[in-house]
């Protein structure tokens, strides 16, 4: 199992694009094989340790090959494009278990 984690800090605090991004991300499992589950949205942590990151997603893949197929996949491109256009800072962290 691979957990592909992406955290975003939006430019100038803008978040008008988040609804579109959430819809794209929610649809990924139906479009890309190997995705087990997707979690996404604003942090709900009571700790307040987000470091300015305002939105995140975790995509659980069945294996490393599925992550490698996802990255160049045409349905990943709109997600990456929206994040690239609106994010002032992005962290990507993949963990394998």
Protein backbone atom coordinates (compact mmCIF):
# COMPACT_ATOMS: atom_id res chain seq x y z
CA UNK A 1 0.00 0.00 0.00
CA UNK A 2 1.25 3.50 -0.89
CA UNK A 3 -0.14 6.67 0.71
CA UNK A 4 0.42 9.58 -1.68
CA UNK A 5 0.03 12.75 0.39
CA UNK A 6 -0.18 16.29 -1.02
CA UNK A 7 -0.43 19.45 1.09
CA UNK A 8 -1.12 22.90 -0.39
CA UNK A 9 -0.82 26.49 0.80
CA UNK A 10 -2.90 28.67 -1.50
CA UNK A 11 -1.64 31.89 -3.06
CA UNK A 12 -2.91 34.95 -1.22
CA UNK A 13 -5.28 32.76 0.79
CA UNK A 14 -7.46 32.25 -2.30
CA UNK A 15 -9.64 29.16 -2.26
CA UNK A 16 -12.20 29.72 -5.03
CA UNK A 17 -10.81 26.77 -6.98
CA UNK A 18 -11.09 24.26 -4.11
CA UNK A 19 -14.60 23.10 -5.04
CA UNK A 20 -13.42 22.18 -8.54
CA UNK A 21 -10.32 20.49 -7.13
CA UNK A 22 -12.36 18.49 -4.61
CA UNK A 23 -14.68 17.28 -7.40
CA UNK A 24 -11.74 16.21 -9.59
CA UNK A 25 -10.02 14.40 -6.73
CA UNK A 26 -13.21 12.64 -5.57
CA UNK A 27 -13.67 11.24 -9.10
CA UNK A 28 -10.14 9.80 -9.41
CA UNK A 29 -10.94 6.26 -8.11
CA UNK A 30 -13.54 5.79 -10.84
CA UNK A 31 -11.08 6.90 -13.53
CA UNK A 32 -7.72 5.47 -12.49
CA UNK A 33 -7.16 1.80 -11.62
CA UNK A 34 -5.23 0.97 -8.46
CA UNK A 35 -6.66 3.74 -6.28
CA UNK A 36 -8.13 2.20 -3.15
CA UNK A 37 -9.35 5.37 -1.45
CA UNK A 38 -9.07 9.16 -1.58
CA UNK A 39 -9.30 11.58 1.34
CA UNK A 40 -9.17 15.33 0.69
CA UNK A 41 -10.11 18.71 2.09
CA UNK A 42 -9.19 21.22 4.75
CA UNK A 43 -7.50 20.07 7.95
CA UNK A 44 -9.75 19.08 10.83
CA UNK A 45 -6.87 18.69 13.28
CA UNK A 46 -7.43 20.24 16.72
CA UNK A 47 -3.63 20.60 17.11
CA UNK A 48 -3.25 23.56 14.75
CA UNK A 49 0.12 22.35 13.43
CA UNK A 50 -0.66 22.68 9.71
CA UNK A 51 2.20 25.16 9.17
CA UNK A 52 0.06 27.30 6.89
CA UNK A 53 -1.04 24.43 4.65
CA UNK A 54 -4.74 24.84 3.95
CA UNK A 55 -5.76 21.80 1.92
CA UNK A 56 -4.57 18.24 1.55
CA UNK A 57 -5.25 14.94 -0.09
CA UNK A 58 -4.20 11.39 0.59
CA UNK A 59 -4.57 8.84 -2.18
CA UNK A 60 -4.14 5.21 -1.16
CA UNK A 61 -2.74 3.02 -3.93
CA UNK A 62 -2.58 -0.76 -3.87
CA UNK A 63 1.13 -0.64 -4.76
CA UNK A 64 4.05 1.32 -6.12
CA UNK A 65 3.23 0.40 -9.73
CA UNK A 66 -0.20 2.01 -9.34
CA UNK A 67 1.36 5.27 -8.11
CA UNK A 68 3.79 5.22 -11.02
CA UNK A 69 0.89 4.77 -13.49
CA UNK A 70 -1.11 7.55 -11.79
CA UNK A 71 1.50 10.29 -12.12
CA UNK A 72 1.49 10.49 -15.96
CA UNK A 73 -2.21 9.56 -16.24
CA UNK A 74 -4.36 12.04 -18.21
CA UNK A 75 -6.89 12.29 -15.33
CA UNK A 76 -4.14 13.29 -12.90
CA UNK A 77 -3.14 16.22 -15.14
CA UNK A 78 -6.10 18.53 -14.29
CA UNK A 79 -5.50 17.98 -10.57
CA UNK A 80 -1.79 18.78 -10.90
CA UNK A 81 -2.57 21.79 -13.09
CA UNK A 82 -5.03 23.32 -10.60
CA UNK A 83 -2.64 22.78 -7.71
CA UNK A 84 0.23 24.26 -9.73
CA UNK A 85 -1.79 27.34 -10.70
CA UNK A 86 -3.07 28.16 -7.23
CA UNK A 87 -0.56 26.82 -4.73
CA UNK A 88 2.11 29.05 -3.22
CA UNK A 89 3.71 25.96 -1.64
CA UNK A 90 3.13 22.25 -2.13
CA UNK A 91 4.47 19.24 -0.26
CA UNK A 92 4.26 15.74 -1.71
CA UNK A 93 5.14 12.82 0.56
CA UNK A 94 4.68 9.16 -0.33
CA UNK A 95 4.77 6.43 2.31
CA UNK A 96 4.80 2.69 1.66
CA UNK A 97 3.50 0.14 4.13
